[in-house]
Amino acid sequence: MSLQTLRFRQLAKEVKISDFSAEDIRWDRLVLMMANNLTPYFLNALSYGTDLSNLNEVWKLLGIDSLIRLEDQKGNFFRIGIALRKSDNKAYSAMQIARKPQMSNIRSLLKIDYYWVLVTSDRFFAREDWQDYLVGKLYEEIDLATKSNSRCKLISL
């Protein structure tokens, strides 16, 4: 797990938007959904020796570094899968995978309303105000997202 992911998850816990501990997000449920809905992808991961008993590896296969829950201006709550990428190239690759019907189906089964790929860098996390900026940006994006039909979005920070 990357340092970016750890820092993001810690911030999500601190500001109480983390949704990883939700009751419907359990290891057994995730693996069962992957086996039933991502069969070739799932079998390929197993053939490469991916440790599916490690919950972080399961999330990695789904392209999700963090799971958050945000409230929009109208008071509606949304679950968002977050992917953190350090370059535009890696972010675009993550978006291509995320737009596949099988991945969209898994997110739907997990009740993930949106999937955002955040393009960051180590310099971003060196900013003095990175936490305030990031939280503000996430709330800004959820209000924009509810006005759009797009469920996947690339966001440069």
Foldseek 3Di string as FASTA:
>chain_A
DDPVLVVVQVLCVVVVFFDCPPPLNDLVVLLVLCCVQVVVLSVVCVVVPQDSVDVCSSCVSLQASTWTWDAAPVGDIAIEGEHEAADPVVLVVSVVVCPDPSSVVSCVVSRHQAYEYEHDHPVLVVDPCNSVVVVVVVRVVVNVVVVDPDRYYYHYD
